[in-house]
Amino acid sequence: MATTVADVMVATLKASDVRRVWGIPGDSINGLFDANRSRVPVVAIAAHIPREEIGGGYFQETHPDRLFVE
């Protein structure tokens, strides 16, 4: 059986002594901003809507680069 990306991610998190993993669906960017401001280390696995759907009025449409300008 081939090694998957998930296998590598889990092994890396274990090797880094990560003890908690949280999953937050939907709008979770404000939590990343708070962690950034508090200087708390975070590993974020995030996605964006497909390029051809940008401008379609989706709730998830954000500009992450602008959120951390401060």
N, C-alpha and C. Protein backbone atom coordinates (compact mmCIF):
# COMPACT_ATOMS: atom_id res chain seq x y z
N MET A 1 0.84 -1.19 0.00
CA MET A 1 0.00 0.00 0.00
C MET A 1 0.88 1.24 0.00
N ALA A 2 0.58 2.18 -0.85
CA ALA A 2 1.37 3.40 -0.98
C ALA A 2 1.14 4.34 0.20
N THR A 3 2.15 5.13 0.51
CA THR A 3 2.02 6.15 1.54
C THR A 3 1.22 7.32 0.98
N THR A 4 0.25 7.78 1.76
CA THR A 4 -0.59 8.88 1.31
C THR A 4 -0.13 10.19 1.94
N VAL A 5 -0.64 11.29 1.42
CA VAL A 5 -0.34 12.61 2.01
C VAL A 5 -0.83 12.64 3.45
N ALA A 6 -1.99 12.06 3.70
CA ALA A 6 -2.52 12.02 5.06
C ALA A 6 -1.58 11.27 6.00
N ASP A 7 -0.99 10.15 5.53
CA ASP A 7 -0.04 9.40 6.35
C ASP A 7 1.15 10.27 6.73
N VAL A 8 1.67 11.01 5.78
CA VAL A 8 2.83 11.87 6.03
C VAL A 8 2.47 13.00 7.00
N MET A 9 1.28 13.58 6.82
CA MET A 9 0.85 14.65 7.72
C MET A 9 0.69 14.17 9.15
N VAL A 10 0.07 13.02 9.32
CA VAL A 10 -0.12 12.46 10.67
C VAL A 10 1.23 12.14 11.30
N ALA A 11 2.13 11.54 10.55
CA ALA A 11 3.46 11.21 11.07
C ALA A 11 4.21 12.48 11.48
N THR A 12 4.10 13.52 10.68
CA THR A 12 4.77 14.79 10.98
C THR A 12 4.19 15.43 12.24
N LEU A 13 2.87 15.41 12.37
CA LEU A 13 2.24 15.97 13.57
C LEU A 13 2.64 15.19 14.81
N LYS A 14 2.68 13.86 14.71
CA LYS A 14 3.12 13.04 15.85
C LYS A 14 4.57 13.33 16.21
N ALA A 15 5.43 13.43 15.22
CA ALA A 15 6.85 13.71 15.46
C ALA A 15 7.05 15.09 16.10
N SER A 16 6.10 15.99 15.85
CA SER A 16 6.18 17.35 16.41
C SER A 16 5.48 17.44 17.77
N ASP A 17 5.06 16.31 18.29
CA ASP A 17 4.41 16.21 19.60
C ASP A 17 3.10 17.00 19.68
N VAL A 18 2.38 17.05 18.56
CA VAL A 18 1.07 17.71 18.55
C VAL A 18 0.11 16.83 19.34
N ARG A 19 -0.60 17.45 20.27
CA ARG A 19 -1.50 16.69 21.13
C ARG A 19 -2.97 16.93 20.85
N ARG A 20 -3.30 18.03 20.19
CA ARG A 20 -4.69 18.33 19.89
C ARG A 20 -4.83 18.73 18.44
N VAL A 21 -5.91 18.25 17.83
CA VAL A 21 -6.24 18.62 16.45
C VAL A 21 -7.70 19.04 16.45
N TRP A 22 -7.96 20.22 15.94
CA TRP A 22 -9.32 20.74 15.87
C TRP A 22 -9.75 20.85 14.42
N GLY A 23 -10.96 20.52 14.15
CA GLY A 23 -11.52 20.69 12.82
C GLY A 23 -12.65 21.70 12.89
N ILE A 24 -12.54 22.75 12.11
CA ILE A 24 -13.57 23.79 12.12
C ILE A 24 -14.03 24.01 10.68
N PRO A 25 -15.21 23.54 10.34
CA PRO A 25 -15.70 23.77 8.98
C PRO A 25 -16.22 25.19 8.80
N GLY A 26 -16.21 25.64 7.58
CA GLY A 26 -16.80 26.94 7.29
C GLY A 26 -15.85 28.09 7.56
N ASP A 27 -16.36 29.14 8.17
CA ASP A 27 -15.62 30.38 8.38
C ASP A 27 -14.73 30.30 9.61
N SER A 28 -13.50 29.84 9.43
CA SER A 28 -12.59 29.69 10.57
C SER A 28 -11.39 30.62 10.49
N ILE A 29 -11.39 31.58 9.54
CA ILE A 29 -10.26 32.49 9.37
C ILE A 29 -10.04 33.37 10.58
N ASN A 30 -11.24 33.88 11.29
CA ASN A 30 -11.07 34.77 12.45
C ASN A 30 -10.25 34.14 13.55
N GLY A 31 -10.32 32.74 13.70
CA GLY A 31 -9.50 32.03 14.69
C GLY A 31 -8.03 32.10 14.33
N LEU A 32 -7.69 32.03 13.05
CA LEU A 32 -6.30 32.14 12.60
C LEU A 32 -5.76 33.53 12.87
N PHE A 33 -6.59 34.53 12.68
CA PHE A 33 -6.18 35.91 12.96
C PHE A 33 -5.86 36.06 14.44
N ASP A 34 -6.72 35.53 15.31
CA ASP A 34 -6.49 35.61 16.75
C ASP A 34 -5.20 34.90 17.15
N ALA A 35 -4.96 33.73 16.57
CA ALA A 35 -3.73 32.99 16.87
C ALA A 35 -2.51 33.78 16.42
N ASN A 36 -2.62 34.42 15.26
CA ASN A 36 -1.53 35.25 14.76
C ASN A 36 -1.25 36.39 15.71
N ARG A 37 -2.28 37.07 16.16
CA ARG A 37 -2.12 38.22 17.07
C ARG A 37 -1.56 37.79 18.42
N SER A 38 -1.92 36.57 18.86
CA SER A 38 -1.45 36.07 20.15
C SER A 38 -0.12 35.33 20.05
N ARG A 39 0.42 35.25 18.84
CA ARG A 39 1.68 34.56 18.59
C ARG A 39 1.63 33.09 19.01
N VAL A 40 0.51 32.45 18.72
CA VAL A 40 0.31 31.03 19.02
C VAL A 40 0.58 30.24 17.74
N PRO A 41 1.43 29.22 17.80
CA PRO A 41 1.70 28.45 16.59
C PRO A 41 0.48 27.65 16.14
N VAL A 42 0.24 27.67 14.84
CA VAL A 42 -0.92 26.99 14.27
C VAL A 42 -0.52 26.36 12.94
N VAL A 43 -1.02 25.17 12.69
CA VAL A 43 -0.92 24.57 11.37
C VAL A 43 -2.32 24.62 10.81
N ALA A 44 -2.51 25.33 9.72
CA ALA A 44 -3.84 25.47 9.13
C ALA A 44 -3.87 24.80 7.76
N ILE A 45 -4.81 23.93 7.59
CA ILE A 45 -5.03 23.30 6.29
C ILE A 45 -6.32 23.93 5.77
N ALA A 46 -6.19 24.77 4.79
CA ALA A 46 -7.34 25.55 4.33
C ALA A 46 -7.50 25.42 2.83
N ALA A 47 -8.66 25.78 2.37
CA ALA A 47 -8.95 25.72 0.94
C ALA A 47 -9.65 27.01 0.53
N HIS A 48 -9.76 27.20 -0.73
CA HIS A 48 -10.44 28.35 -1.29
C HIS A 48 -11.42 27.83 -2.33
N ILE A 49 -12.39 28.63 -2.68
CA ILE A 49 -13.34 28.19 -3.69
C ILE A 49 -12.63 28.12 -5.05
N PRO A 50 -13.14 27.32 -5.96
CA PRO A 50 -12.51 27.21 -7.28
C PRO A 50 -12.43 28.56 -7.99
N ARG A 51 -11.32 28.79 -8.69
CA ARG A 51 -11.07 30.06 -9.37
C ARG A 51 -12.23 30.50 -10.25
N GLU A 52 -12.82 29.55 -10.98
CA GLU A 52 -13.90 29.93 -11.90
C GLU A 52 -15.17 30.36 -11.17
N GLU A 53 -15.24 30.11 -9.85
CA GLU A 53 -16.41 30.51 -9.07
C GLU A 53 -16.18 31.76 -8.24
N ILE A 54 -14.98 32.33 -8.28
CA ILE A 54 -14.71 33.57 -7.54
C ILE A 54 -15.60 34.66 -8.11
N GLY A 55 -16.20 35.42 -7.22
CA GLY A 55 -17.13 36.46 -7.65
C GLY A 55 -18.56 35.96 -7.69
N GLY A 56 -18.76 34.72 -7.25
CA GLY A 56 -20.08 34.12 -7.30
C GLY A 56 -20.92 34.38 -6.06
N GLY A 57 -20.40 35.19 -5.13
CA GLY A 57 -21.16 35.52 -3.93
C GLY A 57 -21.09 34.47 -2.83
N TYR A 58 -20.11 33.60 -2.88
CA TYR A 58 -19.98 32.58 -1.84
C TYR A 58 -19.59 33.20 -0.51
N PHE A 59 -20.12 32.65 0.58
CA PHE A 59 -19.81 33.13 1.92
C PHE A 59 -18.31 33.01 2.22
N GLN A 60 -17.67 31.98 1.70
CA GLN A 60 -16.27 31.73 1.98
C GLN A 60 -15.33 32.64 1.20
N GLU A 61 -15.84 33.47 0.34
CA GLU A 61 -14.97 34.33 -0.47
C GLU A 61 -14.28 35.36 0.42
N THR A 62 -12.99 35.20 0.57
CA THR A 62 -12.20 36.16 1.34
C THR A 62 -10.89 36.40 0.62
N HIS A 63 -10.15 37.34 1.12
CA HIS A 63 -8.81 37.61 0.63
C HIS A 63 -7.88 37.44 1.84
N PRO A 64 -7.43 36.20 2.11
CA PRO A 64 -6.64 35.93 3.31
C PRO A 64 -5.43 36.85 3.46
N ASP A 65 -4.80 37.22 2.36
CA ASP A 65 -3.64 38.10 2.45
C ASP A 65 -4.00 39.45 3.06
N ARG A 66 -5.22 39.91 2.86
CA ARG A 66 -5.65 41.19 3.42
C ARG A 66 -6.03 41.10 4.89
N LEU A 67 -6.39 39.91 5.34
CA LEU A 67 -6.81 39.74 6.73
C LEU A 67 -5.66 39.96 7.72
N PHE A 68 -4.44 39.73 7.27
CA PHE A 68 -3.30 39.81 8.17
C PHE A 68 -2.44 41.05 7.93
N VAL A 69 -2.99 42.04 7.24
CA VAL A 69 -2.25 43.25 6.91
C VAL A 69 -1.74 43.98 8.14
N GLU A 70 -2.57 44.02 9.21
CA GLU A 70 -2.18 44.72 10.43
C GLU A 70 -0.83 44.26 10.90
